[in-house]
Amino acid sequence: MGGFHLAGKEYEPRISQTVEKLKRINPNLLMPSHCTGWKGIYAIAEAMPHAFVWNSVGNLYEF
C-alpha cells in the first residue's frame, strides 16, 4: 500500500520495469496510491488483477 512514484513524464518510463518486478514478487495485495499515477495504476491492475485493490482517500482496510 502506497505510492510507487510513477506519475509524470520523467517517471513513466519506469512503469513497465516496476510492473515486471512486482510480478516477480507476486504479492497477495497491491494498493497503489495517487502518486503512482493513473498510467501506473492501470498497468498494475491489468498485470495483476488478482492482487489489485483500488485505493483512495477514505478507504478502510482490515487485515
N, C-alpha and C. Protein backbone atom coordinates (compact mmCIF):
# COMPACT_ATOMS: atom_id res chain seq x y z
N MET A 1 0.86 -1.16 0.00
CA MET A 1 0.00 0.00 0.00
C MET A 1 0.91 1.22 0.00
N GLY A 2 0.67 2.07 -0.95
CA GLY A 2 1.46 3.29 -1.01
C GLY A 2 1.67 3.73 -2.44
N GLY A 3 2.40 4.80 -2.58
CA GLY A 3 2.67 5.35 -3.90
C GLY A 3 3.96 4.80 -4.47
N PHE A 4 3.92 4.52 -5.75
CA PHE A 4 5.10 4.00 -6.43
C PHE A 4 5.83 5.10 -7.19
N HIS A 5 5.39 6.33 -7.11
CA HIS A 5 6.02 7.49 -7.75
C HIS A 5 6.33 7.23 -9.21
N LEU A 6 5.28 6.91 -9.96
CA LEU A 6 5.40 6.65 -11.39
C LEU A 6 4.65 7.67 -12.23
N ALA A 7 4.17 8.74 -11.63
CA ALA A 7 3.41 9.76 -12.36
C ALA A 7 4.35 10.80 -12.95
N GLY A 8 4.03 11.25 -14.12
CA GLY A 8 4.81 12.30 -14.78
C GLY A 8 5.73 11.74 -15.84
N LYS A 9 6.02 12.57 -16.83
CA LYS A 9 6.81 12.12 -17.98
C LYS A 9 8.17 11.55 -17.60
N GLU A 10 8.81 12.10 -16.60
CA GLU A 10 10.14 11.62 -16.23
C GLU A 10 10.11 10.26 -15.54
N TYR A 11 8.96 9.90 -14.96
CA TYR A 11 8.86 8.64 -14.24
C TYR A 11 8.13 7.54 -15.00
N GLU A 12 7.32 7.92 -15.97
CA GLU A 12 6.52 6.94 -16.70
C GLU A 12 7.34 5.83 -17.37
N PRO A 13 8.57 6.10 -17.83
CA PRO A 13 9.37 5.00 -18.40
C PRO A 13 9.65 3.87 -17.41
N ARG A 14 9.50 4.12 -16.14
CA ARG A 14 9.75 3.10 -15.11
C ARG A 14 8.55 2.17 -14.88
N ILE A 15 7.41 2.49 -15.46
CA ILE A 15 6.20 1.71 -15.20
C ILE A 15 6.39 0.25 -15.56
N SER A 16 6.84 -0.05 -16.76
CA SER A 16 6.95 -1.45 -17.19
C SER A 16 7.96 -2.20 -16.34
N GLN A 17 9.08 -1.57 -15.99
CA GLN A 17 10.08 -2.22 -15.12
C GLN A 17 9.48 -2.53 -13.76
N THR A 18 8.77 -1.56 -13.22
CA THR A 18 8.17 -1.73 -11.89
C THR A 18 7.15 -2.86 -11.91
N VAL A 19 6.31 -2.90 -12.93
CA VAL A 19 5.31 -3.95 -13.03
C VAL A 19 5.97 -5.32 -13.15
N GLU A 20 7.01 -5.43 -13.94
CA GLU A 20 7.71 -6.72 -14.08
C GLU A 20 8.31 -7.18 -12.76
N LYS A 21 8.90 -6.26 -12.03
CA LYS A 21 9.49 -6.63 -10.73
C LYS A 21 8.41 -6.98 -9.71
N LEU A 22 7.29 -6.28 -9.74
CA LEU A 22 6.19 -6.63 -8.85
C LEU A 22 5.64 -8.02 -9.18
N LYS A 23 5.56 -8.34 -10.46
CA LYS A 23 5.07 -9.66 -10.86
C LYS A 23 5.99 -10.76 -10.33
N ARG A 24 7.30 -10.51 -10.30
CA ARG A 24 8.24 -11.50 -9.75
C ARG A 24 8.00 -11.73 -8.26
N ILE A 25 7.68 -10.66 -7.55
CA ILE A 25 7.42 -10.77 -6.11
C ILE A 25 6.10 -11.50 -5.87
N ASN A 26 5.15 -11.32 -6.80
CA ASN A 26 3.83 -11.96 -6.73
C ASN A 26 3.11 -11.67 -5.41
N PRO A 27 2.85 -10.39 -5.12
CA PRO A 27 2.19 -10.06 -3.86
C PRO A 27 0.72 -10.50 -3.84
N ASN A 28 0.21 -10.71 -2.65
CA ASN A 28 -1.21 -11.04 -2.49
C ASN A 28 -2.09 -9.81 -2.67
N LEU A 29 -1.58 -8.66 -2.26
CA LEU A 29 -2.33 -7.41 -2.35
C LEU A 29 -1.43 -6.29 -2.86
N LEU A 30 -1.99 -5.46 -3.71
CA LEU A 30 -1.32 -4.24 -4.17
C LEU A 30 -2.34 -3.12 -4.14
N MET A 31 -2.02 -2.06 -3.41
CA MET A 31 -2.91 -0.92 -3.29
C MET A 31 -2.14 0.36 -3.59
N PRO A 32 -1.90 0.64 -4.87
CA PRO A 32 -1.13 1.84 -5.22
C PRO A 32 -1.89 3.12 -4.92
N SER A 33 -1.17 4.13 -4.46
CA SER A 33 -1.76 5.43 -4.13
C SER A 33 -1.63 6.40 -5.30
N HIS A 34 -2.13 7.62 -5.07
CA HIS A 34 -2.25 8.63 -6.13
C HIS A 34 -0.93 8.94 -6.84
N CYS A 35 0.19 8.96 -6.15
CA CYS A 35 1.45 9.34 -6.80
C CYS A 35 1.99 8.23 -7.71
N THR A 36 1.31 7.10 -7.75
CA THR A 36 1.63 6.07 -8.73
C THR A 36 1.21 6.56 -10.12
N GLY A 37 0.22 7.42 -10.16
CA GLY A 37 -0.28 7.94 -11.43
C GLY A 37 -1.26 6.97 -12.07
N TRP A 38 -2.16 7.52 -12.89
CA TRP A 38 -3.20 6.67 -13.47
C TRP A 38 -2.62 5.65 -14.43
N LYS A 39 -1.57 5.99 -15.14
CA LYS A 39 -0.97 5.03 -16.08
C LYS A 39 -0.33 3.87 -15.32
N GLY A 40 0.34 4.17 -14.22
CA GLY A 40 0.94 3.13 -13.40
C GLY A 40 -0.11 2.27 -12.73
N ILE A 41 -1.15 2.90 -12.21
CA ILE A 41 -2.22 2.17 -11.56
C ILE A 41 -2.89 1.22 -12.56
N TYR A 42 -3.16 1.73 -13.75
CA TYR A 42 -3.79 0.91 -14.78
C TYR A 42 -2.90 -0.28 -15.15
N ALA A 43 -1.59 -0.03 -15.31
CA ALA A 43 -0.66 -1.11 -15.68
C ALA A 43 -0.60 -2.19 -14.60
N ILE A 44 -0.60 -1.78 -13.35
CA ILE A 44 -0.58 -2.73 -12.24
C ILE A 44 -1.89 -3.52 -12.20
N ALA A 45 -3.00 -2.84 -12.34
CA ALA A 45 -4.31 -3.51 -12.30
C ALA A 45 -4.44 -4.50 -13.45
N GLU A 46 -3.96 -4.14 -14.62
CA GLU A 46 -4.05 -5.01 -15.78
C GLU A 46 -3.14 -6.23 -15.64
N ALA A 47 -1.94 -6.04 -15.10
CA ALA A 47 -0.97 -7.12 -14.99
C ALA A 47 -1.26 -8.07 -13.83
N MET A 48 -1.86 -7.55 -12.76
CA MET A 48 -2.08 -8.36 -11.56
C MET A 48 -3.47 -8.13 -10.98
N PRO A 49 -4.50 -8.44 -11.74
CA PRO A 49 -5.87 -8.18 -11.25
C PRO A 49 -6.21 -8.95 -9.99
N HIS A 50 -5.57 -10.08 -9.77
CA HIS A 50 -5.83 -10.89 -8.57
C HIS A 50 -5.36 -10.19 -7.30
N ALA A 51 -4.38 -9.29 -7.41
CA ALA A 51 -3.81 -8.64 -6.24
C ALA A 51 -4.23 -7.18 -6.11
N PHE A 52 -4.72 -6.59 -7.19
CA PHE A 52 -5.01 -5.16 -7.22
C PHE A 52 -6.25 -4.81 -6.41
N VAL A 53 -6.11 -3.77 -5.59
CA VAL A 53 -7.23 -3.20 -4.83
C VAL A 53 -7.20 -1.70 -5.09
N TRP A 54 -8.34 -1.14 -5.51
CA TRP A 54 -8.42 0.30 -5.75
C TRP A 54 -8.26 1.03 -4.42
N ASN A 55 -7.32 1.95 -4.37
CA ASN A 55 -7.02 2.69 -3.15
C ASN A 55 -7.42 4.15 -3.34
N SER A 56 -8.15 4.68 -2.39
CA SER A 56 -8.49 6.10 -2.43
C SER A 56 -8.71 6.61 -1.01
N VAL A 57 -8.78 7.92 -0.91
CA VAL A 57 -8.99 8.55 0.39
C VAL A 57 -10.28 8.04 1.00
N GLY A 58 -10.21 7.67 2.26
CA GLY A 58 -11.40 7.23 2.97
C GLY A 58 -11.59 5.73 3.01
N ASN A 59 -10.80 5.00 2.21
CA ASN A 59 -10.93 3.54 2.26
C ASN A 59 -10.48 3.02 3.61
N LEU A 60 -11.12 1.98 4.06
CA LEU A 60 -10.77 1.33 5.32
C LEU A 60 -10.39 -0.11 5.01
N TYR A 61 -9.24 -0.52 5.47
CA TYR A 61 -8.77 -1.89 5.23
C TYR A 61 -8.61 -2.60 6.57
N GLU A 62 -9.15 -3.80 6.64
CA GLU A 62 -8.99 -4.62 7.83
C GLU A 62 -8.29 -5.90 7.43
N PHE A 63 -7.22 -6.22 8.14
CA PHE A 63 -6.44 -7.44 7.86
C PHE A 63 -6.54 -8.38 9.02
